Amino acid sequence: MVSRQTKTSFPFIVVAMLLWYVSLGSVATWVSWAVLVGFGVVLPTVLTSYQRDATEQ
């Protein structure tokens, strides 16, 4: 069985990798990495934390 956290994170990771690949040639390298980490790690973490807090109440 796939956890809710995985179901939430996986689409963000896929989209983050696509955005990172597209942005490689058009913006600075650090911006590309910021997009990858921000959209692929930080945003799903915040969303799953919010979902967990909402279900506990």
Protein backbone atom coordinates (compact mmCIF):
# COMPACT_ATOMS: atom_id res chain seq x y z
CA MET A 1 0.00 0.00 0.00
CA VAL A 2 1.23 3.48 -0.86
CA SER A 3 1.18 6.07 1.91
CA ARG A 4 -0.61 9.38 1.64
CA GLN A 5 2.71 11.22 1.92
CA THR A 6 4.04 9.37 -1.13
CA LYS A 7 0.87 10.06 -3.08
CA THR A 8 1.22 13.75 -2.31
CA SER A 9 4.97 14.02 -2.91
CA PHE A 10 5.38 12.05 -6.12
CA PRO A 11 3.54 14.45 -8.49
CA PHE A 12 5.44 17.41 -7.05
CA ILE A 13 8.75 15.62 -7.55
CA VAL A 14 7.94 14.82 -11.17
CA VAL A 15 6.85 18.39 -11.93
CA ALA A 16 9.90 19.78 -10.07
CA MET A 17 12.25 17.69 -12.22
CA LEU A 18 10.52 18.90 -15.39
CA LEU A 19 10.70 22.53 -14.26
CA TRP A 20 14.36 22.07 -13.30
CA TYR A 21 15.20 20.61 -16.70
CA VAL A 22 13.37 23.39 -18.57
CA SER A 23 14.96 26.12 -16.46
CA LEU A 24 18.54 24.89 -16.88
CA GLY A 25 19.16 26.83 -20.07
CA SER A 26 17.17 29.93 -19.30
CA VAL A 27 18.02 31.02 -15.74
CA ALA A 28 20.97 30.95 -13.36
CA THR A 29 22.01 27.57 -12.00
CA TRP A 30 21.14 28.44 -8.41
CA VAL A 31 17.59 29.37 -9.48
CA SER A 32 17.21 25.98 -11.16
CA TRP A 33 18.32 24.23 -7.98
CA ALA A 34 16.04 26.43 -5.88
CA VAL A 35 13.09 25.42 -8.08
CA LEU A 36 14.01 21.76 -7.75
CA VAL A 37 14.41 21.82 -3.98
CA GLY A 38 11.57 24.23 -3.29
CA PHE A 39 8.98 22.59 -5.47
CA GLY A 40 10.17 19.00 -5.08
CA VAL A 41 11.01 18.91 -1.36
CA VAL A 42 9.79 21.91 0.61
CA LEU A 43 6.29 22.27 -0.85
CA PRO A 44 5.31 18.57 -0.50
CA THR A 45 6.72 18.53 3.04
CA VAL A 46 4.64 21.54 4.02
CA LEU A 47 1.51 20.09 2.41
CA THR A 48 1.84 16.69 4.08
CA SER A 49 2.50 18.39 7.41
CA TYR A 50 -0.61 20.50 6.97
CA GLN A 51 -2.67 17.44 5.98
CA ARG A 52 -1.41 15.50 9.01
CA ASP A 53 -2.26 18.39 11.34
CA ALA A 54 -5.72 18.75 9.80
CA THR A 55 -6.54 15.05 10.27
CA GLU A 56 -5.36 15.03 13.90
CA GLN A 57 -7.85 17.69 14.95
